[in-house]
């Protein structure tokens, strides 16, 4: 699920925009499924995703980057300075059960 690349954890995300609440609902097909209340209009969902993931990983938004998929629901994200094991542990605390 998470791998380390260029000094950070890299992983795939599938975004579900216009959800009732923000949250990580599952891990399926090698990607985190992240629900966001923001609509996929004018980059709002991308900004909301980075802000939410910053909260999940406890890092400032400037340490997060969308490597691929800015215009798609499927994205590849990097968290600078975070190890893959630390990222997996953080996600476990935020997973909606």
Protein backbone atom coordinates (compact mmCIF):
# COMPACT_ATOMS: atom_id res chain seq x y z
CA UNK A 1 0.00 0.00 0.00
CA UNK A 2 2.70 2.50 1.03
CA UNK A 3 6.19 2.63 -0.42
CA UNK A 4 9.12 4.94 0.18
CA UNK A 5 10.36 7.17 -2.62
CA UNK A 6 12.58 10.28 -2.67
CA UNK A 7 12.48 10.85 1.06
CA UNK A 8 8.79 10.24 1.63
CA UNK A 9 5.90 7.82 1.69
CA UNK A 10 4.06 7.36 -1.63
CA UNK A 11 0.61 5.82 -2.00
CA UNK A 12 -2.48 5.71 -4.21
CA UNK A 13 -5.77 7.37 -3.30
CA UNK A 14 -9.25 7.09 -4.77
CA UNK A 15 -11.24 10.23 -3.93
CA UNK A 16 -15.00 10.22 -3.39
CA UNK A 17 -16.05 13.90 -3.62
CA UNK A 18 -19.29 15.40 -2.27
CA UNK A 19 -19.48 12.89 0.59
CA UNK A 20 -21.41 13.57 3.79
CA UNK A 21 -18.19 13.70 5.85
CA UNK A 22 -14.43 13.62 5.34
CA UNK A 23 -12.83 10.28 6.13
CA UNK A 24 -10.85 7.25 5.02
CA UNK A 25 -13.45 4.58 4.35
CA UNK A 26 -11.38 1.63 3.15
CA UNK A 27 -8.34 0.26 1.39
CA UNK A 28 -9.20 -1.53 -1.85
CA UNK A 29 -7.38 -2.36 -5.09
CA UNK A 30 -4.13 -0.93 -3.73
CA UNK A 31 -5.58 2.51 -2.95
CA UNK A 32 -6.96 4.36 0.04
CA UNK A 33 -10.57 5.36 -0.47
CA UNK A 34 -10.90 8.92 0.89
CA UNK A 35 -14.30 10.60 1.19
CA UNK A 36 -14.37 14.39 0.98
CA UNK A 37 -17.21 16.87 1.39
CA UNK A 38 -15.64 19.18 -1.22
CA UNK A 39 -16.87 19.10 -4.83
CA UNK A 40 -14.46 18.28 -7.67
CA UNK A 41 -14.66 21.84 -9.00
CA UNK A 42 -11.77 24.27 -9.57
CA UNK A 43 -9.33 22.17 -7.54
CA UNK A 44 -11.42 22.30 -4.33
CA UNK A 45 -11.38 18.53 -3.84
CA UNK A 46 -7.59 18.43 -4.36
CA UNK A 47 -7.06 21.18 -1.76
CA UNK A 48 -9.45 19.45 0.65
CA UNK A 49 -7.63 16.15 0.11
CA UNK A 50 -4.23 17.64 0.92
CA UNK A 51 -5.61 19.45 3.99
CA UNK A 52 -7.29 16.29 5.25
CA UNK A 53 -4.22 14.13 4.64
CA UNK A 54 -2.10 16.73 6.44
CA UNK A 55 -4.35 16.21 9.45
CA UNK A 56 -4.14 12.42 9.14
CA UNK A 57 -0.34 12.37 8.94
CA UNK A 58 0.26 15.31 11.27
CA UNK A 59 2.26 17.26 8.70
CA UNK A 60 1.84 20.69 7.08
CA UNK A 61 0.17 20.73 3.66
CA UNK A 62 3.43 21.94 2.08
CA UNK A 63 4.92 18.48 2.76
CA UNK A 64 2.21 16.79 0.66
CA UNK A 65 2.16 16.57 -3.12
CA UNK A 66 -0.13 15.10 -5.75
CA UNK A 67 2.34 13.34 -8.05
CA UNK A 68 -0.25 12.08 -10.54
CA UNK A 69 -3.97 12.45 -11.09
CA UNK A 70 -4.78 16.10 -10.32
CA UNK A 71 -7.75 15.92 -12.70
CA UNK A 72 -8.81 12.39 -11.74
CA UNK A 73 -10.33 10.57 -8.78
CA UNK A 74 -7.32 8.23 -8.80
CA UNK A 75 -4.24 10.01 -7.44
CA UNK A 76 -0.70 9.25 -6.32
CA UNK A 77 0.33 11.19 -3.20
CA UNK A 78 3.73 11.74 -1.55
CA UNK A 79 4.21 12.76 2.08
CA UNK A 80 7.69 14.24 2.37
CA UNK A 81 9.76 13.09 5.33
CA UNK A 82 7.40 10.30 6.40
CA UNK A 83 8.33 6.62 6.35
CA UNK A 84 5.91 4.08 4.86
CA UNK A 85 5.41 2.34 8.23
CA UNK A 86 4.57 5.66 9.93
CA UNK A 87 2.08 6.48 7.18
CA UNK A 88 0.33 3.12 7.54
CA UNK A 89 0.08 3.59 11.31
CA UNK A 90 -1.44 7.07 10.90
CA UNK A 91 -4.03 5.83 8.41
CA UNK A 92 -5.05 3.06 10.80
CA UNK A 93 -6.04 5.64 13.40
CA UNK A 94 -8.29 7.51 10.93
CA UNK A 95 -9.94 4.55 9.19
CA UNK A 96 -13.73 4.71 9.53
CA UNK A 97 -14.96 1.51 11.11
